[in-house]
Each structure stands twice: as structure tokens, then as C-alpha cells.
């Protein structure tokens, strides 16, 4: 077997394990994009609470699939945990290793 085939074989086997959902398994009232957005936004709190309370989950099951997932992703990354803008990096020196010199900026 070639090296490329040996690299792709585990990926193909892993892809074969992906879950599929029946189209009729989702109720019309299942959580969609907006609830996914909300659940992603409150994820940190829901996760901590879910450690102590059995009836609290961090992800709604069943949901309507891709749109819920997209809202959940946006909720976490854009509006939730990933949206922290309090860390500011200031660049006050540039070190040129090859020239062995330090330039002050400012």
C-alpha cells in the first residue's frame, strides 16, 4: 500500500462513523437557529450548571440540525466565550535576531 493510502484509510474509517439523522425525526417545533444562538451564548454557565444538575444540558437534542449547529457555533465564538476583547497586546520593541539589534517603537 502506498503511503497516501495508509494516511487516508483511518480518515475514511472515521468518516464512516458519522451520524445521520432521519428527516422525519425532527419535529417542526425543534430548536432552530435562534435557540442555537442563545444556547451557544449561555454555554459557559450551562456547562457549569450541568455538572451539578442532571436535567440541564449544554446542547438541545433533538434540534433541527445544521441551522441549530450554526447558531450554536456563532453563539459560542462570536457572542460568547470567543468574543473576549479585553486582552490588548502592545508592541513596544522589535528584535531582529539576525542583525542582533533592538529597535524601540514609539
C-alpha atoms as a PDB file:
ATOM      1  CA  UNK A   1       0.000   0.000   0.000  1.00  0.00           C
ATOM      2  CA  UNK A   2       1.201   3.462  -0.723  1.00  0.00           C
ATOM      3  CA  UNK A   3       1.879   5.985   1.995  1.00  0.00           C
ATOM      4  CA  UNK A   4      -1.044   8.153   0.855  1.00  0.00           C
ATOM      5  CA  UNK A   5      -3.467   5.241   1.112  1.00  0.00           C
ATOM      6  CA  UNK A   6      -2.260   4.461   4.632  1.00  0.00           C
ATOM      7  CA  UNK A   7      -2.881   8.082   5.589  1.00  0.00           C
ATOM      8  CA  UNK A   8      -6.378   8.218   4.080  1.00  0.00           C
ATOM      9  CA  UNK A   9      -7.569   4.844   5.367  1.00  0.00           C
ATOM     10  CA  UNK A  10      -8.039   5.929   9.030  1.00  0.00           C
ATOM     11  CA  UNK A  11      -9.807   9.101   7.869  1.00  0.00           C
ATOM     12  CA  UNK A  12     -12.201   7.111   5.700  1.00  0.00           C
ATOM     13  CA  UNK A  13     -12.917   4.688   8.539  1.00  0.00           C
ATOM     14  CA  UNK A  14     -13.573   7.604  10.876  1.00  0.00           C
ATOM     15  CA  UNK A  15     -15.885   9.259   8.334  1.00  0.00           C
ATOM     16  CA  UNK A  16     -17.877   6.025   8.128  1.00  0.00           C
ATOM     17  CA  UNK A  17     -18.811   6.528  11.793  1.00  0.00           C
ATOM     18  CA  UNK A  18     -20.540   9.847  11.188  1.00  0.00           C
ATOM     19  CA  UNK A  19     -24.114  10.000  12.398  1.00  0.00           C
ATOM     20  CA  UNK A  20     -27.018  10.538  10.068  1.00  0.00           C
ATOM     21  CA  UNK A  21     -30.418  11.837  11.083  1.00  0.00           C
ATOM     22  CA  UNK A  22     -33.754  10.807   9.658  1.00  0.00           C
ATOM     23  CA  UNK A  23     -35.551  13.752   8.057  1.00  0.00           C
ATOM     24  CA  UNK A  24     -38.841  12.862   9.759  1.00  0.00           C
ATOM     25  CA  UNK A  25     -37.185  12.546  13.209  1.00  0.00           C
ATOM     26  CA  UNK A  26     -37.159  16.326  13.681  1.00  0.00           C
ATOM     27  CA  UNK A  27     -40.344  17.927  14.931  1.00  0.00           C
ATOM     28  CA  UNK A  28     -41.338  21.317  13.486  1.00  0.00           C
ATOM     29  CA  UNK A  29     -41.056  22.807  16.980  1.00  0.00           C
ATOM     30  CA  UNK A  30     -37.455  21.584  17.449  1.00  0.00           C
ATOM     31  CA  UNK A  31     -34.903  24.259  18.431  1.00  0.00           C
ATOM     32  CA  UNK A  32     -33.541  26.139  15.436  1.00  0.00           C
ATOM     33  CA  UNK A  33     -31.034  28.889  14.694  1.00  0.00           C
ATOM     34  CA  UNK A  34     -32.148  31.409  17.337  1.00  0.00           C
ATOM     35  CA  UNK A  35     -32.229  28.892  20.174  1.00  0.00           C
ATOM     36  CA  UNK A  36     -28.863  27.566  18.992  1.00  0.00           C
ATOM     37  CA  UNK A  37     -27.508  31.114  19.179  1.00  0.00           C
ATOM     38  CA  UNK A  38     -28.882  31.507  22.693  1.00  0.00           C
ATOM     39  CA  UNK A  39     -27.578  28.105  23.839  1.00  0.00           C
ATOM     40  CA  UNK A  40     -24.129  28.920  22.473  1.00  0.00           C
ATOM     41  CA  UNK A  41     -24.131  32.276  24.252  1.00  0.00           C
ATOM     42  CA  UNK A  42     -25.043  30.770  27.617  1.00  0.00           C
ATOM     43  CA  UNK A  43     -22.775  27.728  27.145  1.00  0.00           C
ATOM     44  CA  UNK A  44     -20.260  28.565  29.948  1.00  0.00           C
ATOM     45  CA  UNK A  45     -22.999  28.928  32.559  1.00  0.00           C
ATOM     46  CA  UNK A  46     -24.969  25.932  31.260  1.00  0.00           C
ATOM     47  CA  UNK A  47     -21.853  23.767  31.326  1.00  0.00           C
ATOM     48  CA  UNK A  48     -21.075  24.575  34.966  1.00  0.00           C
ATOM     49  CA  UNK A  49     -24.699  24.041  35.986  1.00  0.00           C
ATOM     50  CA  UNK A  50     -24.823  20.751  34.023  1.00  0.00           C
ATOM     51  CA  UNK A  51     -22.053  19.372  36.230  1.00  0.00           C
ATOM     52  CA  UNK A  52     -24.349  19.556  39.255  1.00  0.00           C
ATOM     53  CA  UNK A  53     -27.895  19.312  37.846  1.00  0.00           C
ATOM     54  CA  UNK A  54     -28.883  16.259  35.796  1.00  0.00           C
ATOM     55  CA  UNK A  55     -31.729  17.980  33.934  1.00  0.00           C
ATOM     56  CA  UNK A  56     -29.527  20.748  32.441  1.00  0.00           C
ATOM     57  CA  UNK A  57     -27.702  20.107  29.158  1.00  0.00           C
ATOM     58  CA  UNK A  58     -25.424  22.289  27.051  1.00  0.00           C
ATOM     59  CA  UNK A  59     -26.905  21.186  23.717  1.00  0.00           C
ATOM     60  CA  UNK A  60     -30.552  20.690  22.715  1.00  0.00           C
ATOM     61  CA  UNK A  61     -31.448  17.236  21.441  1.00  0.00           C
ATOM     62  CA  UNK A  62     -33.335  16.862  19.158  1.00  0.00           C
ATOM     63  CA  UNK A  63     -32.763  20.033  17.196  1.00  0.00           C
ATOM     64  CA  UNK A  64     -33.302  20.911  13.538  1.00  0.00           C
ATOM     65  CA  UNK A  65     -29.722  20.137  12.527  1.00  0.00           C
ATOM     66  CA  UNK A  66     -27.440  22.454  10.599  1.00  0.00           C
ATOM     67  CA  UNK A  67     -29.113  25.745  11.446  1.00  0.00           C
ATOM     68  CA  UNK A  68     -29.132  24.960  15.156  1.00  0.00           C
ATOM     69  CA  UNK A  69     -25.451  23.974  14.952  1.00  0.00           C
ATOM     70  CA  UNK A  70     -24.604  27.177  13.095  1.00  0.00           C
ATOM     71  CA  UNK A  71     -26.403  29.296  15.697  1.00  0.00           C
ATOM     72  CA  UNK A  72     -24.690  27.371  18.496  1.00  0.00           C
ATOM     73  CA  UNK A  73     -21.290  27.961  16.885  1.00  0.00           C
ATOM     74  CA  UNK A  74     -21.964  31.688  16.432  1.00  0.00           C
ATOM     75  CA  UNK A  75     -23.233  31.921  19.996  1.00  0.00           C
ATOM     76  CA  UNK A  76     -20.021  30.485  21.404  1.00  0.00           C
ATOM     77  CA  UNK A  77     -17.463  32.056  19.078  1.00  0.00           C
ATOM     78  CA  UNK A  78     -18.912  35.470  18.236  1.00  0.00           C
ATOM     79  CA  UNK A  79     -21.110  36.400  21.169  1.00  0.00           C
ATOM     80  CA  UNK A  80     -19.960  34.091  23.942  1.00  0.00           C
ATOM     81  CA  UNK A  81     -16.620  32.800  25.119  1.00  0.00           C
ATOM     82  CA  UNK A  82     -14.691  33.611  21.952  1.00  0.00           C
ATOM     83  CA  UNK A  83     -15.794  37.258  21.902  1.00  0.00           C
ATOM     84  CA  UNK A  84     -13.421  38.475  24.614  1.00  0.00           C
ATOM     85  CA  UNK A  85     -11.755  41.726  23.547  1.00  0.00           C
ATOM     86  CA  UNK A  86     -10.224  42.671  26.882  1.00  0.00           C
ATOM     87  CA  UNK A  87      -6.764  41.368  26.028  1.00  0.00           C
ATOM     88  CA  UNK A  88      -4.738  44.001  24.190  1.00  0.00           C
ATOM     89  CA  UNK A  89      -1.181  43.400  23.015  1.00  0.00           C
ATOM     90  CA  UNK A  90       1.166  46.367  22.717  1.00  0.00           C
ATOM     91  CA  UNK A  91       4.263  46.072  20.588  1.00  0.00           C
ATOM     92  CA  UNK A  92       6.988  48.299  22.001  1.00  0.00           C
ATOM     93  CA  UNK A  93      10.146  46.569  20.769  1.00  0.00           C
ATOM     94  CA  UNK A  94      11.203  44.759  17.632  1.00  0.00           C
ATOM     95  CA  UNK A  95      14.082  42.335  17.968  1.00  0.00           C
ATOM     96  CA  UNK A  96      15.961  41.474  14.793  1.00  0.00           C
ATOM     97  CA  UNK A  97      17.804  38.277  15.684  1.00  0.00           C
ATOM     98  CA  UNK A  98      19.967  38.143  12.581  1.00  0.00           C
ATOM     99  CA  UNK A  99      21.206  41.708  12.924  1.00  0.00           C
ATOM    100  CA  UNK A 100      21.350  41.389  16.745  1.00  0.00           C
ATOM    101  CA  UNK A 101      19.706  44.729  17.348  1.00  0.00           C
ATOM    102  CA  UNK A 102      16.705  46.027  19.247  1.00  0.00           C
ATOM    103  CA  UNK A 103      14.579  48.898  17.917  1.00  0.00           C
ATOM    104  CA  UNK A 104      12.266  50.855  20.187  1.00  0.00           C
ATOM    105  CA  UNK A 105       8.923  51.698  18.672  1.00  0.00           C
ATOM    106  CA  UNK A 106       7.088  54.674  19.901  1.00  0.00           C
END
